[in-house]
């Protein structure tokens, strides 16, 4: 591109003394050692170390398998009922093989429904299962609804709204092309998703069970946040932006999260509801906000208050760094102080840019020991500072195998925990390998990826 545009001959560039180099910038990088992952002792393989960013569930079982006593299936596709039945049997068998305990029989017969009447069909299945559980003397509701989507796309959001928001039941959506011809890898991935949805845990870092095994996290109770704001598409001039915050709810495993969402003014990037104070006629000033609520939830779950905070903030451009940091750090401080006088745990504030356009290439092409199968840099590679920012502490992390060679950019805007570059890079890389919905690692920490 540099040669094609002839920047060296551009008179404006020459007048300003700008020289555009035609060579790629060469930067030092290193490959971080993979963390050891822990699975259940009943499996043939109890531990696993990712190889080139990859691993699988062969000979392994989930470390905490969920229990499902009652489930049902509804299909909005044109798949014949007998194939739907076979798919459900294969999926439930895979769930049990990988460590879950799932009743092999559905609570009610599988139902085929018209995709034009999605809400009515879902509510009917919910009503039938509730009546069946009532007859059996159970107060529990349906634990899992398997939904095979229609061939025409566009119904996923509606199904999720009805199930999770209106009815309060866990759903697992499957594409019809996969349900008609499921392979083992697909069934394993769906089983991993289901296990997490019903309260199980797929894997943890092995060092989480060792005293001070995970630097920074294991030493004292630590809560890790992820936050992002989703804006309406172009042309939507009045729709609200949606802010979301998730936080880890288990310690020291750091594998379970709780999330909160809040609507805020159109296209506003700063999260308004991290901390809030409202006036009540009877109680006076009432403290609230998403950070405060998640800190309280962490204490209820673990019995300990967080002594350290790591905050991963997604979706912030470089021009907004100082503005977002000033407002949101202040909100975090106020949320902590509102819980207990003098409560000020140290905070590290990191911006995550997961749609960065930087492309990374190995110096030597064709060498299998220096590239992945796509010819990109090796997974678990990290490089820092000089390519990120001239003064700020930051790094790029490429933790997974992908075709485009993209990485994730991390900027440390504020650090009261005195991280070294190696310590934060290593911790971030470990967290990237705990993503529950699939086995290959991510380049984005799960707290920011799920938003």
Foldseek 3Di string as FASTA:
>chain_A
DCVVVVPVPDPVCVVVVHDDDPDDDDFDKDFDFFFKKAFDPVFPDGIDGDDLLDDDQVSGAFRFFEEFEAEAEEEQEPDDLVLLLVLLQVLVVLLVVRHHHYDSDHLDHYYYDHLVPLLVVVVVVQVVQCVSCVVVVHPDGHAEYEYEDYQDDDCVVVNCCCACPVVNYHYQYDYPVCSNPPDPQNSNLSSLVSRVSRPTAGIFRPLQVPQCSQPPFRPFPEKEKEKFKAADDPPPPWAWIKIKMKMFQDPPRRQDIDMDMDTDGHPDTADDFQWDWDQDPVPGTDIDGDVLVRQVNSCVRYVDGHQEYEYEYEDDDPVCLVVNCVVVVVSNQVSQCVVDPPRDHWYWYKYKYQPDPDAAADPDFPDPVQAPPLREGGASMKGWDPVQDVPWGKIWHRHFDDNRRDTMIMTTPDGPPPDDSVSVSVSQSSQQCRHRSHRRGGRGRNNHVVD
